[in-house]
Amino acid sequence: MFRNAFYVGLALALLIGFWLLWLWQPERQINRHTEDLFHKIERKDWSGTSAFVGVEYLDQWGQDRALLLTRMRSAFAYVRDVKIRHANPTLEIEERRAVWRAKITIEGGDGEITAILKERVNSLATPFELEWHQVSGKPWNWKLTSVRNHDLELPAGEW
């Protein structure tokens, strides 16, 4: 009886171990983190969004972490039913750094701010690049450190 229980427990532990190894692969973690980040933004969950953004965040527009979060709150404050979609993402991983690339589009309800966001983002031909860094030895601890799209211009005076 004890032997059977031991083997069942051992098999279950091995199964869970293999599942965790599969789950914690960098490709899966980056894709899951990106999806979760988009869902947090859509729900306007700013504390959840900030948990994904690294303290060393700096993008091509000169925004640091604090400025990015402030501007996202401002830009999405009057947007209703926003959805962030992406198509055909690709991923490059180098040790503890990953770059996720995809064309991103914005969908949402009617409104002046939504129309501006849609016009600006959906018309871009180049994909967005989200750069993620693994910030500790934990396989799930990835943080967003930069966003790029060379066709997107964000003049400082608009904010």
C-alpha atoms as a PDB file:
ATOM      1  CA  MET A   1       0.000   0.000   0.000  1.00  0.00           C
ATOM      2  CA  PHE A   2       2.734   2.440   1.004  1.00  0.00           C
ATOM      3  CA  ARG A   3       4.710   1.591  -2.128  1.00  0.00           C
ATOM      4  CA  ASN A   4       1.760   2.360  -4.429  1.00  0.00           C
ATOM      5  CA  ALA A   5       1.118   5.706  -2.725  1.00  0.00           C
ATOM      6  CA  PHE A   6       4.824   6.558  -3.021  1.00  0.00           C
ATOM      7  CA  TYR A   7       4.862   5.858  -6.772  1.00  0.00           C
ATOM      8  CA  VAL A   8       1.664   7.806  -7.360  1.00  0.00           C
ATOM      9  CA  GLY A   9       3.098  10.762  -5.422  1.00  0.00           C
ATOM     10  CA  LEU A  10       6.381  10.534  -7.307  1.00  0.00           C
ATOM     11  CA  ALA A  11       4.596  10.423 -10.676  1.00  0.00           C
ATOM     12  CA  LEU A  12       2.453  13.406  -9.698  1.00  0.00           C
ATOM     13  CA  ALA A  13       5.516  15.390  -8.571  1.00  0.00           C
ATOM     14  CA  LEU A  14       7.311  14.615 -11.841  1.00  0.00           C
ATOM     15  CA  LEU A  15       4.251  15.606 -13.858  1.00  0.00           C
ATOM     16  CA  ILE A  16       3.976  18.936 -12.020  1.00  0.00           C
ATOM     17  CA  GLY A  17       7.725  19.507 -12.425  1.00  0.00           C
ATOM     18  CA  PHE A  18       7.610  18.947 -16.184  1.00  0.00           C
ATOM     19  CA  TRP A  19       4.551  21.198 -16.487  1.00  0.00           C
ATOM     20  CA  LEU A  20       6.364  23.990 -14.610  1.00  0.00           C
ATOM     21  CA  LEU A  21       9.434  23.623 -16.833  1.00  0.00           C
ATOM     22  CA  TRP A  22       7.180  23.932 -19.883  1.00  0.00           C
ATOM     23  CA  LEU A  23       5.288  26.900 -18.408  1.00  0.00           C
ATOM     24  CA  TRP A  24       8.420  28.804 -17.357  1.00  0.00           C
ATOM     25  CA  GLN A  25      10.113  28.739 -20.749  1.00  0.00           C
ATOM     26  CA  PRO A  26      11.012  32.326 -21.730  1.00  0.00           C
ATOM     27  CA  GLU A  27       8.834  32.240 -24.888  1.00  0.00           C
ATOM     28  CA  ARG A  28       5.746  31.371 -22.887  1.00  0.00           C
ATOM     29  CA  GLN A  29       6.506  33.861 -20.146  1.00  0.00           C
ATOM     30  CA  ILE A  30       7.007  36.776 -22.570  1.00  0.00           C
ATOM     31  CA  ASN A  31       3.849  35.958 -24.522  1.00  0.00           C
ATOM     32  CA  ARG A  32       1.817  35.581 -21.302  1.00  0.00           C
ATOM     33  CA  HIS A  33       3.256  38.773 -19.810  1.00  0.00           C
ATOM     34  CA  THR A  34       2.486  40.741 -22.983  1.00  0.00           C
ATOM     35  CA  GLU A  35      -1.101  39.446 -23.099  1.00  0.00           C
ATOM     36  CA  ASP A  36      -1.568  40.173 -19.399  1.00  0.00           C
ATOM     37  CA  LEU A  37      -0.122  43.673 -19.805  1.00  0.00           C
ATOM     38  CA  PHE A  38      -2.570  44.443 -22.616  1.00  0.00           C
ATOM     39  CA  HIS A  39      -5.503  43.152 -20.541  1.00  0.00           C
ATOM     40  CA  LYS A  40      -4.469  45.286 -17.562  1.00  0.00           C
ATOM     41  CA  ILE A  41      -4.332  48.369 -19.800  1.00  0.00           C
ATOM     42  CA  GLU A  42      -7.730  47.536 -21.334  1.00  0.00           C
ATOM     43  CA  ARG A  43      -9.263  47.257 -17.850  1.00  0.00           C
ATOM     44  CA  LYS A  44      -7.470  50.436 -16.740  1.00  0.00           C
ATOM     45  CA  ASP A  45      -5.852  48.483 -13.915  1.00  0.00           C
ATOM     46  CA  TRP A  46      -2.950  50.868 -13.410  1.00  0.00           C
ATOM     47  CA  SER A  47      -1.470  49.161 -10.361  1.00  0.00           C
ATOM     48  CA  GLY A  48      -1.515  45.874 -12.286  1.00  0.00           C
ATOM     49  CA  THR A  49      -0.009  47.591 -15.323  1.00  0.00           C
ATOM     50  CA  SER A  50       2.752  49.158 -13.255  1.00  0.00           C
ATOM     51  CA  ALA A  51       3.708  45.702 -11.922  1.00  0.00           C
ATOM     52  CA  PHE A  52       4.804  44.737 -15.455  1.00  0.00           C
ATOM     53  CA  VAL A  53       6.914  47.861 -16.068  1.00  0.00           C
ATOM     54  CA  GLY A  54      10.513  47.737 -14.862  1.00  0.00           C
ATOM     55  CA  VAL A  55      12.018  50.514 -12.757  1.00  0.00           C
ATOM     56  CA  GLU A  56      14.658  51.064 -15.476  1.00  0.00           C
ATOM     57  CA  TYR A  57      12.026  51.592 -18.198  1.00  0.00           C
ATOM     58  CA  LEU A  58      13.028  54.146 -20.853  1.00  0.00           C
ATOM     59  CA  ASP A  59      11.570  54.349 -24.347  1.00  0.00           C
ATOM     60  CA  GLN A  60      12.435  56.104 -27.607  1.00  0.00           C
ATOM     61  CA  TRP A  61      10.215  59.053 -26.691  1.00  0.00           C
ATOM     62  CA  GLY A  62      12.191  59.764 -23.505  1.00  0.00           C
ATOM     63  CA  GLN A  63       9.510  58.451 -21.155  1.00  0.00           C
ATOM     64  CA  ASP A  64      10.601  56.800 -17.945  1.00  0.00           C
ATOM     65  CA  ARG A  65       8.386  54.475 -15.912  1.00  0.00           C
ATOM     66  CA  ALA A  66       6.567  57.221 -13.999  1.00  0.00           C
ATOM     67  CA  LEU A  67       5.898  59.346 -17.081  1.00  0.00           C
ATOM     68  CA  LEU A  68       4.696  56.334 -19.091  1.00  0.00           C
ATOM     69  CA  LEU A  69       2.180  55.344 -16.422  1.00  0.00           C
ATOM     70  CA  THR A  70       0.956  58.931 -16.029  1.00  0.00           C
ATOM     71  CA  ARG A  71       0.492  59.338 -19.781  1.00  0.00           C
ATOM     72  CA  MET A  72      -1.287  55.994 -20.128  1.00  0.00           C
ATOM     73  CA  ARG A  73      -3.741  57.007 -17.402  1.00  0.00           C
ATOM     74  CA  SER A  74      -4.347  60.298 -19.191  1.00  0.00           C
ATOM     75  CA  ALA A  75      -4.703  58.781 -22.657  1.00  0.00           C
ATOM     76  CA  PHE A  76      -7.082  56.030 -21.570  1.00  0.00           C
ATOM     77  CA  ALA A  77      -9.117  58.040 -19.045  1.00  0.00           C
ATOM     78  CA  TYR A  78     -11.891  58.850 -21.517  1.00  0.00           C
ATOM     79  CA  VAL A  79     -11.659  55.762 -23.717  1.00  0.00           C
ATOM     80  CA  ARG A  80     -14.494  53.246 -23.388  1.00  0.00           C
ATOM     81  CA  ASP A  81     -14.373  49.529 -24.178  1.00  0.00           C
ATOM     82  CA  VAL A  82     -10.817  49.628 -25.493  1.00  0.00           C
ATOM     83  CA  LYS A  83      -9.278  46.452 -26.898  1.00  0.00           C
ATOM     84  CA  ILE A  84      -5.605  46.083 -27.783  1.00  0.00           C
ATOM     85  CA  ARG A  85      -5.098  43.564 -30.567  1.00  0.00           C
ATOM     86  CA  HIS A  86      -1.933  42.232 -32.133  1.00  0.00           C
ATOM     87  CA  ALA A  87      -1.123  40.137 -35.181  1.00  0.00           C
ATOM     88  CA  ASN A  88       1.633  37.617 -35.860  1.00  0.00           C
ATOM     89  CA  PRO A  89       3.962  38.314 -32.930  1.00  0.00           C
ATOM     90  CA  THR A  90       7.601  37.320 -33.209  1.00  0.00           C
ATOM     91  CA  LEU A  91      10.031  36.897 -30.379  1.00  0.00           C
ATOM     92  CA  GLU A  92      13.808  37.186 -30.112  1.00  0.00           C
ATOM     93  CA  ILE A  93      15.386  35.936 -26.908  1.00  0.00           C
ATOM     94  CA  GLU A  94      18.994  36.482 -25.879  1.00  0.00           C
ATOM     95  CA  GLU A  95      19.777  35.163 -22.397  1.00  0.00           C
ATOM     96  CA  ARG A  96      17.862  37.481 -20.011  1.00  0.00           C
ATOM     97  CA  ARG A  97      16.557  39.880 -22.685  1.00  0.00           C
ATOM     98  CA  ALA A  98      13.642  39.409 -25.077  1.00  0.00           C
ATOM     99  CA  VAL A  99      12.091  41.560 -27.797  1.00  0.00           C
ATOM    100  CA  TRP A 100       8.448  40.919 -28.690  1.00  0.00           C
ATOM    101  CA  ARG A 101       7.367  42.396 -32.067  1.00  0.00           C
ATOM    102  CA  ALA A 102       3.903  42.674 -33.577  1.00  0.00           C
ATOM    103  CA  LYS A 103       1.542  45.056 -35.310  1.00  0.00           C
ATOM    104  CA  ILE A 104      -0.762  46.446 -32.652  1.00  0.00           C
ATOM    105  CA  THR A 105      -4.210  47.866 -33.312  1.00  0.00           C
ATOM    106  CA  ILE A 106      -6.641  49.631 -31.021  1.00  0.00           C
ATOM    107  CA  GLU A 107     -10.374  48.996 -31.016  1.00  0.00           C
ATOM    108  CA  GLY A 108     -12.865  50.811 -28.876  1.00  0.00           C
ATOM    109  CA  GLY A 109     -16.067  52.717 -28.508  1.00  0.00           C
ATOM    110  CA  ASP A 110     -16.895  55.975 -30.179  1.00  0.00           C
ATOM    111  CA  GLY A 111     -15.278  59.106 -28.881  1.00  0.00           C
ATOM    112  CA  GLU A 112     -12.799  61.761 -29.842  1.00  0.00           C
ATOM    113  CA  ILE A 113      -9.891  60.365 -27.813  1.00  0.00           C
ATOM    114  CA  THR A 114     -10.554  56.826 -29.065  1.00  0.00           C
ATOM    115  CA  ALA A 115     -10.584  58.094 -32.645  1.00  0.00           C
ATOM    116  CA  ILE A 116      -7.219  59.806 -32.129  1.00  0.00           C
ATOM    117  CA  LEU A 117      -5.686  56.671 -30.588  1.00  0.00           C
ATOM    118  CA  LYS A 118      -7.032  54.478 -33.373  1.00  0.00           C
ATOM    119  CA  GLU A 119      -5.853  56.854 -36.096  1.00  0.00           C
ATOM    120  CA  ARG A 120      -2.387  57.166 -34.620  1.00  0.00           C
ATOM    121  CA  VAL A 121      -1.752  53.513 -33.757  1.00  0.00           C
ATOM    122  CA  ASN A 122      -3.723  51.592 -36.383  1.00  0.00           C
ATOM    123  CA  SER A 123      -2.176  53.479 -39.301  1.00  0.00           C
ATOM    124  CA  LEU A 124       1.390  52.476 -38.407  1.00  0.00           C
ATOM    125  CA  ALA A 125       3.100  50.155 -40.871  1.00  0.00           C
ATOM    126  CA  THR A 126       5.953  49.155 -38.575  1.00  0.00           C
ATOM    127  CA  PRO A 127       5.403  46.752 -35.683  1.00  0.00           C
ATOM    128  CA  PHE A 128       5.773  47.721 -32.069  1.00  0.00           C
ATOM    129  CA  GLU A 129       8.751  46.318 -30.188  1.00  0.00           C
ATOM    130  CA  LEU A 130       8.367  45.540 -26.500  1.00  0.00           C
ATOM    131  CA  GLU A 131      11.660  44.810 -24.779  1.00  0.00           C
ATOM    132  CA  TRP A 132      11.528  42.598 -21.708  1.00  0.00           C
ATOM    133  CA  HIS A 133      14.321  41.801 -19.232  1.00  0.00           C
ATOM    134  CA  GLN A 134      14.443  38.976 -16.740  1.00  0.00           C
ATOM    135  CA  VAL A 135      15.211  40.832 -13.524  1.00  0.00           C
ATOM    136  CA  SER A 136      16.011  37.886 -11.253  1.00  0.00           C
ATOM    137  CA  GLY A 137      16.762  34.197 -11.353  1.00  0.00           C
ATOM    138  CA  LYS A 138      13.043  33.431 -11.152  1.00  0.00           C
ATOM    139  CA  PRO A 139      11.854  32.236 -14.580  1.00  0.00           C
ATOM    140  CA  TRP A 140       8.620  34.249 -14.351  1.00  0.00           C
ATOM    141  CA  ASN A 141      10.183  37.561 -13.301  1.00  0.00           C
ATOM    142  CA  TRP A 142      10.252  39.541 -16.566  1.00  0.00           C
ATOM    143  CA  LYS A 143       9.735  43.320 -16.699  1.00  0.00           C
ATOM    144  CA  LEU A 144       9.025  45.644 -19.604  1.00  0.00           C
ATOM    145  CA  THR A 145      12.012  47.952 -20.086  1.00  0.00           C
ATOM    146  CA  SER A 146      11.272  49.688 -23.393  1.00  0.00           C
ATOM    147  CA  VAL A 147       8.713  50.140 -26.168  1.00  0.00           C
ATOM    148  CA  ARG A 148       9.650  51.225 -29.669  1.00  0.00           C
ATOM    149  CA  ASN A 149       7.957  52.043 -32.937  1.00  0.00           C
ATOM    150  CA  HIS A 150      10.016  54.292 -35.181  1.00  0.00           C
ATOM    151  CA  ASP A 151       6.975  55.481 -37.127  1.00  0.00           C
ATOM    152  CA  LEU A 152       5.075  56.667 -34.044  1.00  0.00           C
ATOM    153  CA  GLU A 153       5.727  60.254 -33.084  1.00  0.00           C
ATOM    154  CA  LEU A 154       4.706  61.571 -29.698  1.00  0.00           C
ATOM    155  CA  PRO A 155       5.342  65.310 -29.592  1.00  0.00           C
ATOM    156  CA  ALA A 156       6.071  66.500 -26.081  1.00  0.00           C
ATOM    157  CA  GLY A 157       3.566  69.356 -26.306  1.00  0.00           C
ATOM    158  CA  GLU A 158       0.536  67.073 -26.721  1.00  0.00           C
ATOM    159  CA  TRP A 159       0.650  65.817 -23.158  1.00  0.00           C
END
